[in-house]
Amino acid sequence: MLPEANMIRNSFDIWEEDSYSELAMPIKKAATKYHRQSEKRRIQNRATKVTLKKAMKEIEKLAESKDLNAYEKKLPEVASALDKAVKRNLLHRNTAARRKSMLAKKLKKA
């Protein structure tokens, strides 16, 4: 996970107050627990997606600036972030493979 993920995860704690729990409260105890779990997962998934998008933007900037050394160092980090998103079912595996392939092609072209 990239270092700013914890900071991002903490910044999404404000969303807990705006959560769906105020709209309709579950009646069963198990439903309350499931709701709590889904809210926690939603916050973590959102943080992971934001981290991934930031990493993709950073590597795109490096590609535009033609800084090959920095691009080579950043590529494994982004590939790892993509793989983790697939593992957590946030991206389809073919989508991640396509993005990694595109990034590798950009490195070869430069």
Protein backbone atom coordinates (compact mmCIF):
# COMPACT_ATOMS: atom_id res chain seq x y z
CA MET A 1 0.00 0.00 0.00
CA LEU A 2 1.25 3.47 -0.77
CA PRO A 3 2.23 5.62 2.25
CA GLU A 4 -0.54 8.19 1.97
CA ALA A 5 -3.25 5.52 2.18
CA ASN A 6 -3.63 5.87 5.96
CA MET A 7 -3.96 9.62 5.66
CA ILE A 8 -6.61 9.20 2.97
CA ARG A 9 -8.42 6.54 4.98
CA ASN A 10 -8.53 8.91 7.97
CA SER A 11 -9.82 11.75 5.80
CA PHE A 12 -12.82 9.62 4.82
CA ASP A 13 -13.93 9.24 8.43
CA ILE A 14 -16.10 12.31 7.87
CA TRP A 15 -18.22 10.19 5.54
CA GLU A 16 -19.25 7.98 8.43
CA GLU A 17 -21.39 10.79 9.82
CA ASP A 18 -23.13 11.18 6.46
CA SER A 19 -23.66 7.45 6.17
CA TYR A 20 -26.83 5.68 5.28
CA SER A 21 -27.48 4.77 8.91
CA GLU A 22 -29.45 7.97 9.43
CA LEU A 23 -31.76 7.18 6.53
CA ALA A 24 -33.04 3.84 7.82
CA MET A 25 -31.93 1.87 10.83
CA PRO A 26 -31.90 -1.92 10.59
CA ILE A 27 -34.19 -3.81 12.94
CA LYS A 28 -32.16 -7.00 13.44
CA LYS A 29 -28.88 -7.06 15.34
CA ALA A 30 -27.19 -9.00 12.50
CA ALA A 31 -28.35 -6.40 9.99
CA THR A 32 -26.80 -3.65 12.11
CA LYS A 33 -23.50 -5.52 12.15
CA TYR A 34 -23.63 -6.11 8.39
CA HIS A 35 -24.33 -2.42 7.84
CA ARG A 36 -21.38 -1.46 10.04
CA GLN A 37 -19.11 -3.85 8.13
CA SER A 38 -20.24 -2.59 4.74
CA GLU A 39 -19.63 1.03 5.78
CA LYS A 40 -16.11 0.13 6.91
CA ARG A 41 -15.43 -1.69 3.62
CA ARG A 42 -16.84 1.23 1.62
CA ILE A 43 -14.46 3.65 3.32
CA GLN A 44 -11.46 1.34 2.80
CA ASN A 45 -12.37 0.70 -0.85
CA ARG A 46 -12.74 4.40 -1.50
CA ALA A 47 -9.33 5.11 0.05
CA THR A 48 -7.73 2.38 -2.07
CA LYS A 49 -9.32 3.78 -5.24
CA VAL A 50 -8.14 7.32 -4.46
CA THR A 51 -4.61 6.05 -3.77
CA LEU A 52 -4.61 4.14 -7.06
CA LYS A 53 -5.84 7.15 -9.03
CA LYS A 54 -3.16 9.37 -7.48
CA ALA A 55 -0.46 6.83 -8.34
CA MET A 56 -1.70 6.61 -11.93
CA LYS A 57 -1.69 10.41 -12.26
CA GLU A 58 1.83 10.64 -10.83
CA ILE A 59 3.20 8.06 -13.26
CA GLU A 60 1.44 9.80 -16.17
CA LYS A 61 3.18 13.06 -15.20
CA LEU A 62 6.51 11.23 -15.09
CA ALA A 63 5.85 9.84 -18.57
CA GLU A 64 5.12 13.32 -19.91
CA SER A 65 8.23 14.79 -18.29
CA LYS A 66 10.41 12.03 -19.85
CA ASP A 67 12.03 11.24 -16.47
CA LEU A 68 12.85 7.58 -17.17
CA ASN A 69 14.65 6.80 -13.90
CA ALA A 70 11.77 8.02 -11.77
CA TYR A 71 9.28 6.29 -14.09
CA GLU A 72 11.12 2.97 -13.74
CA LYS A 73 11.12 3.28 -9.94
CA LYS A 74 7.43 4.19 -9.80
CA LEU A 75 6.25 1.46 -12.20
CA PRO A 76 6.49 -1.47 -9.73
CA GLU A 77 4.65 0.56 -7.07
CA VAL A 78 1.79 1.30 -9.45
CA ALA A 79 1.70 -2.32 -10.65
CA SER A 80 1.50 -3.45 -7.04
CA ALA A 81 -1.33 -1.00 -6.33
CA LEU A 82 -3.21 -2.31 -9.38
CA ASP A 83 -2.73 -5.91 -8.24
CA LYS A 84 -4.01 -5.07 -4.76
CA ALA A 85 -7.08 -3.42 -6.26
CA VAL A 86 -7.74 -6.62 -8.22
CA LYS A 87 -7.26 -8.71 -5.09
CA ARG A 88 -9.85 -6.59 -3.28
CA ASN A 89 -12.29 -6.82 -6.23
CA LEU A 90 -12.07 -3.10 -6.99
CA LEU A 91 -10.82 -3.67 -10.54
CA HIS A 92 -11.26 -6.51 -12.98
CA ARG A 93 -8.03 -8.43 -13.56
CA ASN A 94 -8.08 -7.68 -17.29
CA THR A 95 -8.40 -3.95 -16.58
CA ALA A 96 -5.35 -4.05 -14.33
CA ALA A 97 -3.42 -6.12 -16.88
CA ARG A 98 -4.31 -3.65 -19.64
CA ARG A 99 -3.17 -0.68 -17.56
CA LYS A 100 0.11 -2.37 -16.57
CA SER A 101 0.73 -3.27 -20.20
CA MET A 102 0.08 0.31 -21.29
CA LEU A 103 2.53 1.64 -18.69
CA ALA A 104 5.21 -0.87 -19.75
CA LYS A 105 4.75 0.13 -23.41
CA LYS A 106 5.24 3.78 -22.52
CA LEU A 107 8.51 2.87 -20.79
CA LYS A 108 9.74 0.95 -23.85
CA LYS A 109 8.81 3.76 -26.25
CA ALA A 110 10.74 6.37 -24.27
